[in-house]
């Protein structure tokens, strides 16, 4: 079984209307995706040609594992931005001694 590195952005509060999540590294690498509240949907990040997944206040960016990111959430009438360092764990879906090994990161965004 294969796996992919990923970064999961966990929103403390999901905006009530369609919103966009943009993440940018200090080096300028960026990803963004539009999400509909309460729905699970895959998205395409046109800025980088990668896949993202919106799922009930959690946004996952596949094939992306930066050490630090600025997260900007925008919606009609508002926005919120913060910078943080995701916490990563490594996992091997085929067992401890079998490749591949991938990294999954999580960053909690506490919107006020």
Protein backbone atom coordinates (compact mmCIF):
# COMPACT_ATOMS: atom_id res chain seq x y z
CA UNK A 1 0.00 0.00 0.00
CA UNK A 2 1.29 3.46 -0.84
CA UNK A 3 1.01 6.65 1.13
CA UNK A 4 1.52 10.38 0.66
CA UNK A 5 3.01 13.10 2.81
CA UNK A 6 0.30 15.51 3.92
CA UNK A 7 -0.52 18.54 6.01
CA UNK A 8 -3.84 18.77 7.84
CA UNK A 9 -5.16 22.18 8.88
CA UNK A 10 -7.72 21.84 11.70
CA UNK A 11 -10.01 24.86 12.10
CA UNK A 12 -11.37 25.54 15.60
CA UNK A 13 -14.44 27.10 13.94
CA UNK A 14 -15.53 26.41 10.39
CA UNK A 15 -16.87 29.53 8.63
CA UNK A 16 -20.62 29.41 7.96
CA UNK A 17 -20.26 30.02 4.22
CA UNK A 18 -17.91 28.96 1.41
CA UNK A 19 -14.34 29.76 2.43
CA UNK A 20 -10.84 29.54 1.01
CA UNK A 21 -7.82 28.19 2.86
CA UNK A 22 -4.44 29.37 1.58
CA UNK A 23 -1.14 28.21 3.02
CA UNK A 24 2.27 29.66 2.22
CA UNK A 25 5.76 28.62 3.33
CA UNK A 26 8.50 31.14 4.19
CA UNK A 27 10.13 30.12 0.88
CA UNK A 28 7.01 31.22 -1.03
CA UNK A 29 5.59 27.79 -1.89
CA UNK A 30 1.79 27.97 -1.62
CA UNK A 31 -1.40 25.93 -1.85
CA UNK A 32 -5.05 27.00 -1.71
CA UNK A 33 -8.46 25.38 -1.91
CA UNK A 34 -12.08 26.49 -1.66
CA UNK A 35 -14.33 24.62 0.82
CA UNK A 36 -18.07 24.40 1.44
CA UNK A 37 -19.01 24.16 5.15
CA UNK A 38 -20.38 20.83 6.32
CA UNK A 39 -19.41 19.00 3.13
CA UNK A 40 -16.63 16.53 2.37
CA UNK A 41 -15.12 17.22 -1.00
CA UNK A 42 -11.83 16.83 -2.77
CA UNK A 43 -10.40 20.01 -4.17
CA UNK A 44 -7.73 20.89 -6.62
CA UNK A 45 -5.10 23.43 -5.63
CA UNK A 46 -4.53 25.28 -8.92
CA UNK A 47 -1.57 27.18 -7.47
CA UNK A 48 0.47 23.99 -7.18
CA UNK A 49 -1.41 21.34 -9.15
CA UNK A 50 -2.01 19.22 -6.05
CA UNK A 51 -4.96 17.64 -4.31
CA UNK A 52 -6.60 18.99 -1.18
CA UNK A 53 -9.51 17.61 0.83
CA UNK A 54 -12.09 19.67 2.73
CA UNK A 55 -13.87 17.71 5.45
CA UNK A 56 -15.97 19.31 8.19
CA UNK A 57 -13.54 22.01 9.37
CA UNK A 58 -10.40 20.11 8.42
CA UNK A 59 -8.44 20.80 5.25
CA UNK A 60 -5.74 18.34 4.13
CA UNK A 61 -3.12 19.17 1.52
CA UNK A 62 -1.53 16.11 -0.07
CA UNK A 63 2.13 15.87 -1.10
CA UNK A 64 3.01 18.87 1.06
CA UNK A 65 4.93 18.78 4.36
CA UNK A 66 6.48 22.18 5.15
CA UNK A 67 8.12 22.98 8.49
CA UNK A 68 6.34 26.33 8.85
CA UNK A 69 3.30 27.86 7.14
CA UNK A 70 1.19 30.97 7.15
CA UNK A 71 -2.48 30.00 6.99
CA UNK A 72 -5.06 32.46 5.68
CA UNK A 73 -8.76 31.67 5.79
CA UNK A 74 -11.03 34.02 3.82
CA UNK A 75 -14.81 34.11 3.46
CA UNK A 76 -17.40 36.65 2.39
CA UNK A 77 -17.01 39.49 4.87
CA UNK A 78 -13.98 38.26 6.79
CA UNK A 79 -10.56 36.68 7.02
CA UNK A 80 -8.16 35.23 9.57
CA UNK A 81 -4.42 34.65 9.29
CA UNK A 82 -1.84 32.94 11.50
CA UNK A 83 1.61 31.38 11.23
CA UNK A 84 2.61 28.08 12.81
CA UNK A 85 4.78 24.98 12.72
CA UNK A 86 2.89 21.72 12.08
CA UNK A 87 3.57 18.69 14.24
CA UNK A 88 4.52 15.70 12.09
CA UNK A 89 4.43 11.98 12.70
CA UNK A 90 5.84 9.31 10.41
CA UNK A 91 3.84 6.25 9.46
CA UNK A 92 4.35 3.09 7.45
CA UNK A 93 1.02 1.72 6.16
CA UNK A 94 2.57 -1.67 5.31
CA UNK A 95 4.11 -2.28 8.71
CA UNK A 96 7.11 -1.15 10.69
CA UNK A 97 9.84 -2.55 8.46
CA UNK A 98 8.14 -2.19 5.07
CA UNK A 99 8.33 0.83 2.79
CA UNK A 100 7.08 3.38 2.10
CA UNK A 101 7.34 5.77 5.02
CA UNK A 102 5.31 8.97 4.89
CA UNK A 103 4.81 12.02 7.08
CA UNK A 104 1.50 13.42 8.25
CA UNK A 105 1.39 16.86 9.82
CA UNK A 106 -1.30 18.67 11.82
CA UNK A 107 -1.72 22.34 12.58
CA UNK A 108 -4.56 23.58 14.79
CA UNK A 109 -5.85 27.03 13.77
CA UNK A 110 -7.73 28.72 16.61
CA UNK A 111 -9.87 31.32 14.87
CA UNK A 112 -11.13 34.09 17.16
